[in-house]
N, C-alpha and C. Protein backbone atom coordinates (compact mmCIF):
# COMPACT_ATOMS: atom_id res chain seq x y z
N MET A 1 0.55 -1.34 -0.20
CA MET A 1 0.06 0.07 0.18
C MET A 1 1.12 1.04 0.23
N ILE A 2 0.76 2.30 -0.71
CA ILE A 2 1.01 3.82 -1.50
C ILE A 2 0.02 4.04 -0.27
N LYS A 3 1.11 5.09 0.75
CA LYS A 3 0.13 6.76 1.71
C LYS A 3 0.65 7.81 1.09
N GLN A 4 -0.13 8.53 0.56
CA GLN A 4 0.96 9.90 0.71
C GLN A 4 -0.11 10.95 1.18
N VAL A 5 -0.31 11.50 1.77
CA VAL A 5 -0.30 13.41 1.74
C VAL A 5 -0.39 14.19 0.76
N ILE A 6 -1.37 14.40 0.37
CA ILE A 6 -1.72 16.07 -0.77
C ILE A 6 -1.78 16.84 -0.43
N GLN A 7 -1.34 17.97 -0.21
CA GLN A 7 -1.25 19.05 -0.06
C GLN A 7 -1.01 20.17 -1.06
N THR A 8 -1.58 21.06 -0.87
CA THR A 8 -2.07 22.24 -1.63
C THR A 8 -1.96 24.17 -0.69
N PRO A 9 -1.02 24.78 -1.84
CA PRO A 9 -1.53 26.30 -1.41
C PRO A 9 -2.34 26.95 -1.60
N ASN A 10 -3.32 26.46 -2.54
CA ASN A 10 -4.30 26.44 -3.82
C ASN A 10 -5.38 26.40 -3.18
N ALA A 11 -6.16 25.54 -1.97
CA ALA A 11 -6.85 24.91 -1.11
C ALA A 11 -6.83 25.48 0.65
N PRO A 12 -7.84 26.09 1.14
CA PRO A 12 -7.41 25.60 2.14
C PRO A 12 -6.94 25.48 3.20
N GLN A 13 -5.80 26.05 4.00
CA GLN A 13 -5.11 24.71 4.80
C GLN A 13 -5.95 23.97 6.32
N ALA A 14 -5.08 23.11 6.43
CA ALA A 14 -6.89 22.46 7.17
C ALA A 14 -6.26 23.23 8.61
N ILE A 15 -8.01 23.28 9.05
CA ILE A 15 -7.46 22.82 10.18
C ILE A 15 -8.49 23.52 11.21
N GLY A 16 -7.04 22.34 11.69
CA GLY A 16 -7.92 20.61 12.74
C GLY A 16 -6.79 20.36 12.41
N THR A 17 -6.23 18.78 12.75
CA THR A 17 -5.67 17.98 12.90
C THR A 17 -6.52 17.39 11.78
N TYR A 18 -5.82 17.18 10.78
CA TYR A 18 -6.61 16.46 9.30
C TYR A 18 -5.62 16.56 8.24
N SER A 19 -5.53 16.05 7.00
CA SER A 19 -4.75 16.35 5.69
C SER A 19 -6.13 16.93 4.75
N GLN A 20 -5.48 17.98 4.04
CA GLN A 20 -6.41 18.13 2.91
C GLN A 20 -7.30 16.75 2.39
N ALA A 21 -5.90 16.36 2.02
CA ALA A 21 -6.43 14.90 1.48
C ALA A 21 -5.53 13.66 1.30
N VAL A 22 -5.97 12.29 1.26
CA VAL A 22 -4.72 11.09 1.60
C VAL A 22 -5.17 10.53 0.63
N ARG A 23 -3.75 9.58 -0.21
CA ARG A 23 -3.74 8.46 -1.64
C ARG A 23 -3.85 7.86 -0.82
N VAL A 24 -4.42 6.80 -1.52
CA VAL A 24 -3.98 5.61 -0.75
C VAL A 24 -3.88 4.85 -1.62
N ASN A 25 -2.50 4.30 -3.37
CA ASN A 25 -3.15 3.64 -4.28
C ASN A 25 -2.93 4.38 -5.48
N GLN A 26 -4.84 4.25 -5.55
CA GLN A 26 -5.47 4.60 -7.00
C GLN A 26 -6.76 5.97 -6.57
N MET A 27 -6.53 5.99 -4.98
CA MET A 27 -7.81 6.29 -4.51
C MET A 27 -7.12 7.56 -3.98
N VAL A 28 -7.60 8.06 -3.83
CA VAL A 28 -8.16 9.58 -2.66
C VAL A 28 -8.84 10.44 -1.77
N PHE A 29 -8.68 9.90 -1.21
CA PHE A 29 -9.62 10.75 -0.10
C PHE A 29 -9.53 12.77 0.08
N LEU A 30 -10.41 13.39 0.40
CA LEU A 30 -10.64 15.02 -0.09
C LEU A 30 -11.74 15.15 1.09
N SER A 31 -10.45 15.63 2.48
CA SER A 31 -11.24 15.93 3.06
C SER A 31 -12.47 17.14 3.55
N GLY A 32 -13.13 17.35 4.32
CA GLY A 32 -14.09 18.45 3.99
C GLY A 32 -13.83 19.62 3.18
N GLN A 33 -13.95 20.99 2.76
CA GLN A 33 -13.94 21.42 2.43
C GLN A 33 -14.75 22.78 2.80
N ILE A 34 -14.25 23.63 3.31
CA ILE A 34 -16.45 24.82 3.50
C ILE A 34 -15.50 25.84 2.73
N PRO A 35 -16.13 26.94 2.14
CA PRO A 35 -16.24 27.96 1.56
C PRO A 35 -14.78 28.38 1.91
N LEU A 36 -13.79 28.63 2.51
CA LEU A 36 -12.58 29.75 2.63
C LEU A 36 -11.48 30.16 1.76
N VAL A 37 -11.60 31.15 1.49
CA VAL A 37 -10.85 31.20 0.75
C VAL A 37 -9.36 31.09 0.67
N PRO A 38 -8.47 30.53 0.29
CA PRO A 38 -7.43 29.83 0.04
C PRO A 38 -6.48 30.72 0.86
N LYS A 39 -6.21 32.41 -0.08
CA LYS A 39 -5.30 33.52 0.81
C LYS A 39 -5.32 34.40 1.56
N THR A 40 -6.93 34.49 2.26
CA THR A 40 -7.10 35.24 3.35
C THR A 40 -7.78 34.20 4.42
N MET A 41 -8.29 33.03 3.65
CA MET A 41 -8.86 32.21 5.44
C MET A 41 -9.90 32.14 5.75
N LEU A 42 -10.82 33.58 5.57
CA LEU A 42 -11.57 34.10 5.50
C LEU A 42 -13.42 32.93 4.89
N LEU A 43 -14.34 33.27 5.00
CA LEU A 43 -15.79 32.56 4.47
C LEU A 43 -15.21 33.57 3.92
N ALA A 44 -15.29 33.00 1.51
CA ALA A 44 -16.11 33.15 1.17
C ALA A 44 -17.46 34.47 0.75
N GLU A 45 -17.45 35.91 0.88
CA GLU A 45 -18.32 36.67 0.62
C GLU A 45 -19.18 36.68 -0.03
N GLY A 46 -20.41 36.59 -0.27
CA GLY A 46 -21.65 36.44 -0.97
C GLY A 46 -22.66 36.09 -0.27
N ASP A 47 -23.56 35.58 -1.78
CA ASP A 47 -24.71 34.09 -0.88
C ASP A 47 -24.34 33.27 -1.64
N ILE A 48 -25.01 31.76 -1.24
CA ILE A 48 -25.11 31.15 -0.59
C ILE A 48 -24.68 29.78 -2.42
N THR A 49 -24.51 30.38 -3.40
CA THR A 49 -24.25 29.95 -4.47
C THR A 49 -23.28 30.31 -5.09
N LEU A 50 -22.47 31.64 -4.02
CA LEU A 50 -21.30 32.00 -4.26
C LEU A 50 -20.01 31.25 -3.36
N GLN A 51 -20.88 30.83 -2.13
CA GLN A 51 -20.33 29.36 -0.83
C GLN A 51 -20.14 27.92 -2.10
N ILE A 52 -21.54 27.95 -2.69
CA ILE A 52 -20.59 26.83 -3.01
C ILE A 52 -20.00 26.29 -3.58
N THR A 53 -19.78 27.70 -5.02
CA THR A 53 -18.90 27.92 -5.43
C THR A 53 -17.46 27.21 -5.36
N GLN A 54 -17.52 27.80 -3.68
CA GLN A 54 -15.93 28.18 -3.52
C GLN A 54 -15.91 26.77 -2.85
N VAL A 55 -16.60 25.80 -2.33
CA VAL A 55 -16.36 24.91 -2.51
C VAL A 55 -15.84 23.65 -2.62
N PHE A 56 -16.11 23.81 -5.01
CA PHE A 56 -16.31 23.16 -5.67
C PHE A 56 -15.00 23.95 -5.88
N ILE A 57 -13.86 24.99 -5.81
CA ILE A 57 -13.38 25.51 -6.74
C ILE A 57 -11.69 24.87 -5.51
N ASN A 58 -12.44 24.79 -4.03
CA ASN A 58 -11.04 24.53 -3.32
C ASN A 58 -11.45 22.63 -3.55
N LEU A 59 -11.71 22.45 -3.31
CA LEU A 59 -12.06 20.53 -4.29
C LEU A 59 -11.34 20.28 -5.22
N GLN A 60 -11.68 21.14 -5.99
CA GLN A 60 -11.04 21.45 -7.59
C GLN A 60 -8.93 21.23 -7.13
N ALA A 61 -8.43 21.82 -6.41
CA ALA A 61 -7.82 22.45 -6.16
C ALA A 61 -7.04 21.25 -5.34
N VAL A 62 -7.78 20.50 -4.70
CA VAL A 62 -6.56 20.06 -3.90
C VAL A 62 -6.78 18.47 -5.07
N ALA A 63 -8.26 17.87 -5.24
CA ALA A 63 -7.70 16.92 -6.66
C ALA A 63 -6.84 17.37 -6.98
N GLU A 64 -6.64 18.19 -8.26
CA GLU A 64 -4.91 18.20 -8.81
C GLU A 64 -4.36 18.23 -8.31
N ALA A 65 -3.60 18.63 -7.01
CA ALA A 65 -2.79 18.53 -6.78
C ALA A 65 -2.77 16.92 -6.57
N ALA A 66 -4.14 16.62 -6.39
CA ALA A 66 -3.15 14.92 -6.45
C ALA A 66 -3.30 13.87 -7.48
N GLY A 67 -3.05 14.97 -9.21
CA GLY A 67 -3.33 14.36 -10.17
C GLY A 67 -4.23 14.14 -10.51
N GLY A 68 -5.54 14.79 -9.76
CA GLY A 68 -6.64 14.41 -10.80
C GLY A 68 -7.33 15.57 -11.16
N SER A 69 -8.60 14.58 -11.55
CA SER A 69 -9.72 16.15 -11.65
C SER A 69 -11.38 16.14 -10.88
N LEU A 70 -12.30 16.47 -10.62
CA LEU A 70 -13.20 16.13 -9.97
C LEU A 70 -14.06 15.52 -10.96
N SER A 71 -13.33 14.62 -12.75
CA SER A 71 -14.03 14.37 -12.63
C SER A 71 -13.70 12.95 -12.97
N ASP A 72 -12.60 12.07 -11.65
CA ASP A 72 -12.04 11.52 -10.82
C ASP A 72 -13.65 11.05 -9.75
N VAL A 73 -14.03 11.55 -9.08
CA VAL A 73 -14.45 12.11 -7.94
C VAL A 73 -15.51 11.04 -8.45
N VAL A 74 -15.59 10.00 -7.14
CA VAL A 74 -16.60 8.85 -7.48
C VAL A 74 -18.15 8.88 -6.39
N LYS A 75 -18.35 9.58 -5.28
CA LYS A 75 -18.63 9.94 -4.14
C LYS A 75 -17.99 11.44 -3.88
N LEU A 76 -19.68 11.83 -3.20
CA LEU A 76 -19.46 13.14 -3.03
C LEU A 76 -20.19 13.48 -1.98
N ASN A 77 -19.32 14.24 -0.76
CA ASN A 77 -20.94 14.20 0.41
C ASN A 77 -21.31 15.25 0.02
N VAL A 78 -22.38 15.31 1.10
CA VAL A 78 -22.26 17.14 0.43
C VAL A 78 -23.39 17.59 2.27
N PHE A 79 -22.58 18.45 3.07
CA PHE A 79 -23.23 19.44 3.94
C PHE A 79 -23.84 20.32 4.20
N LEU A 80 -25.24 20.76 4.67
CA LEU A 80 -25.78 21.40 4.47
C LEU A 80 -26.38 21.74 5.57
N THR A 81 -25.87 23.49 6.27
CA THR A 81 -26.99 23.64 7.08
C THR A 81 -28.36 24.06 7.51
N ASP A 82 -28.93 24.35 6.28
CA ASP A 82 -29.82 24.84 5.43
C ASP A 82 -30.32 23.91 4.38
N LEU A 83 -30.70 22.69 4.05
CA LEU A 83 -31.66 22.05 3.53
C LEU A 83 -32.39 21.91 1.77
N SER A 84 -33.06 23.59 1.54
CA SER A 84 -33.78 24.41 1.24
C SER A 84 -32.94 24.81 0.48
N HIS A 85 -31.22 25.15 0.51
CA HIS A 85 -29.86 25.17 -0.22
C HIS A 85 -29.72 23.82 -1.38
N PHE A 86 -30.71 23.04 -1.29
CA PHE A 86 -30.48 22.22 -2.09
C PHE A 86 -30.97 22.18 -3.35
N PRO A 87 -31.28 22.98 -4.83
CA PRO A 87 -31.71 22.92 -5.43
C PRO A 87 -30.31 23.61 -5.78
N ILE A 88 -29.86 24.50 -5.23
CA ILE A 88 -28.72 25.30 -6.09
C ILE A 88 -27.62 24.31 -5.96
N VAL A 89 -26.90 23.99 -4.98
CA VAL A 89 -25.98 22.46 -4.82
C VAL A 89 -26.25 21.91 -6.34
N ASN A 90 -27.24 21.48 -7.05
CA ASN A 90 -27.33 20.95 -7.83
C ASN A 90 -27.41 21.88 -9.48
N ALA A 91 -27.40 23.09 -9.25
CA ALA A 91 -27.53 24.15 -10.21
C ALA A 91 -25.79 24.24 -10.50
N VAL A 92 -24.95 24.21 -9.64
CA VAL A 92 -23.73 24.86 -9.13
C VAL A 92 -23.41 23.73 -10.08
N MET A 93 -23.45 22.36 -9.29
CA MET A 93 -23.06 20.84 -8.91
C MET A 93 -22.98 20.61 -11.15
N ASP A 94 -23.40 21.05 -11.49
CA ASP A 94 -23.53 20.54 -12.84
C ASP A 94 -22.31 21.49 -14.22
N HIS A 95 -22.06 22.46 -13.26
CA HIS A 95 -20.77 23.44 -14.27
C HIS A 95 -19.68 22.31 -13.06
N TYR A 96 -19.71 21.95 -12.73
CA TYR A 96 -18.01 21.07 -12.80
C TYR A 96 -18.25 19.60 -13.08
N PHE A 97 -19.44 18.65 -12.88
CA PHE A 97 -19.46 17.97 -13.61
C PHE A 97 -20.51 16.90 -14.66
N GLN A 98 -20.42 16.26 -15.33
CA GLN A 98 -20.82 15.73 -15.95
C GLN A 98 -21.37 14.06 -15.83
N ALA A 99 -22.15 14.03 -16.79
CA ALA A 99 -22.62 12.44 -16.35
C ALA A 99 -21.69 11.50 -17.08
N PRO A 100 -21.72 9.78 -16.39
CA PRO A 100 -21.97 10.30 -15.51
C PRO A 100 -21.94 10.39 -14.17
N PHE A 101 -22.49 11.18 -12.76
CA PHE A 101 -22.71 11.67 -11.97
C PHE A 101 -21.59 11.04 -11.25
N PRO A 102 -20.87 11.54 -10.38
CA PRO A 102 -20.13 11.35 -8.51
C PRO A 102 -21.96 10.31 -8.08
N ALA A 103 -21.62 8.95 -7.06
CA ALA A 103 -22.66 9.38 -6.20
C ALA A 103 -21.84 9.59 -5.25
N ARG A 104 -23.78 10.71 -4.40
CA ARG A 104 -23.54 11.66 -3.13
C ARG A 104 -24.89 11.04 -2.61
N ALA A 105 -24.57 12.26 -1.58
CA ALA A 105 -25.46 12.49 0.29
C ALA A 105 -25.50 13.56 0.78
N VAL A 106 -26.42 14.02 0.72
CA VAL A 106 -27.06 15.69 1.45
C VAL A 106 -27.12 15.17 2.36
N VAL A 107 -26.41 16.00 3.52
CA VAL A 107 -26.64 15.58 4.81
C VAL A 107 -27.29 17.46 5.27
N GLY A 108 -28.08 17.42 6.19
CA GLY A 108 -28.65 18.57 6.58
C GLY A 108 -27.92 18.34 7.63
N VAL A 109 -27.41 19.46 9.11
CA VAL A 109 -26.52 19.79 9.33
C VAL A 109 -27.54 20.67 10.00
N SER A 110 -26.70 21.07 11.90
CA SER A 110 -27.16 22.08 12.98
C SER A 110 -25.77 23.27 12.52
N ALA A 111 -24.68 23.25 11.94
CA ALA A 111 -24.08 23.84 12.59
C ALA A 111 -22.68 23.17 11.56
N LEU A 112 -21.90 24.04 10.74
CA LEU A 112 -20.64 23.89 10.58
C LEU A 112 -18.81 24.09 10.57
N PRO A 113 -18.19 23.77 10.60
CA PRO A 113 -17.00 25.16 11.52
C PRO A 113 -16.62 26.93 10.74
N LYS A 114 -16.22 27.72 11.36
CA LYS A 114 -16.33 28.57 11.35
C LYS A 114 -17.35 29.74 10.01
N GLY A 115 -18.85 29.13 10.93
CA GLY A 115 -20.50 29.30 10.79
C GLY A 115 -20.04 28.94 8.97
N ALA A 116 -19.69 27.93 8.34
CA ALA A 116 -19.96 27.87 7.28
C ALA A 116 -22.08 26.83 6.66
N GLN A 117 -22.34 27.67 5.91
CA GLN A 117 -23.57 26.86 5.54
C GLN A 117 -23.09 25.63 4.35
N VAL A 118 -22.12 25.08 4.19
CA VAL A 118 -21.69 23.96 3.21
C VAL A 118 -20.61 23.48 3.35
N GLU A 119 -20.65 22.11 2.87
CA GLU A 119 -19.30 21.73 3.44
C GLU A 119 -19.16 20.05 2.42
N MET A 120 -17.83 20.06 1.91
CA MET A 120 -18.34 18.56 0.99
C MET A 120 -17.16 17.67 1.77
N ASP A 121 -17.21 16.85 0.66
CA ASP A 121 -15.46 16.31 0.92
C ASP A 121 -15.76 14.88 -0.31
N ALA A 122 -14.36 14.03 -0.64
CA ALA A 122 -14.83 13.49 -1.73
C ALA A 122 -14.16 12.00 -1.38
N ILE A 123 -14.49 11.06 -2.70
CA ILE A 123 -13.51 10.37 -2.97
C ILE A 123 -12.84 10.56 -4.15
N MET A 124 -12.09 10.22 -4.61
CA MET A 124 -11.77 9.93 -6.07
C MET A 124 -10.79 9.51 -6.42
N VAL A 125 -10.72 8.32 -7.49
CA VAL A 125 -9.70 6.84 -7.77
C VAL A 125 -9.91 7.99 -9.43
N LEU A 126 -8.38 7.46 -9.68
CA LEU A 126 -7.53 8.12 -10.07
C LEU A 126 -7.02 6.87 -11.26
N LYS A 127 -7.37 7.62 -12.33
CA LYS A 127 -7.26 6.80 -13.84
C LYS A 127 -5.41 5.94 -13.56
N PRO A 128 -4.84 5.11 -14.39
CA PRO A 128 -4.68 3.90 -13.50
C PRO A 128 -3.23 5.30 -14.48
N GLN A 129 -3.11 5.61 -15.29
CA GLN A 129 -1.95 6.86 -16.07
C GLN A 129 -1.98 7.49 -14.69
N GLU A 130 -2.41 8.58 -13.73
CA GLU A 130 -2.36 9.09 -13.38
C GLU A 130 -2.02 8.90 -11.97
N TYR A 131 -1.41 7.65 -12.06
CA TYR A 131 -0.99 7.36 -10.75
C TYR A 131 0.75 6.95 -10.52
N PRO A 132 1.40 7.59 -10.32
CA PRO A 132 2.72 7.36 -10.68
C PRO A 132 2.25 5.36 -10.24
N ALA A 133 4.19 4.68 -11.48
CA ALA A 133 4.79 3.99 -10.92
C ALA A 133 5.67 4.12 -9.55
N SER A 134 5.32 2.76 -8.68
CA SER A 134 5.94 3.06 -7.34
C SER A 134 7.88 2.03 -8.47
C-alpha cells in the first residue's frame, strides 16, 4: 500500500488535525472543504451560490494536487445547514460535473466550522496513468 498526504496552497490550509487529502494507491480521500478563500482563510463573501462555488473550487484544487480532477470523483458528500439550498447545490454542481455523476449524499446539519453554510468531502479514483509507478 502506498500512502501519500496531499497538500496544496491553492486550497485552504487544514484548520485542525487532518490532511487536505490522502492518497492510497489509486484512491484519494478529500477532506471536507468549507467556502474558505485560500489566500485569506476567510469565508467567501456573498450568497450561498458563491459559497457553494468556492467549495467546488477548493475541492478542484485538492483534486488537481493529487493528480486528478473533479471528473475522477466517484463519491461526494454534501453537508448543508439549510436543506432548502439543495437545488442550488444541484445547479452549481452541474457546472463542475458531467454524467455519469458521482454517487452523492446530502445531509442537513445544525452547524459547520467557522459558521459555514456548506461543506463537502469526496472520494476520487485516479486513472492508472495518473498514478505514478512505484
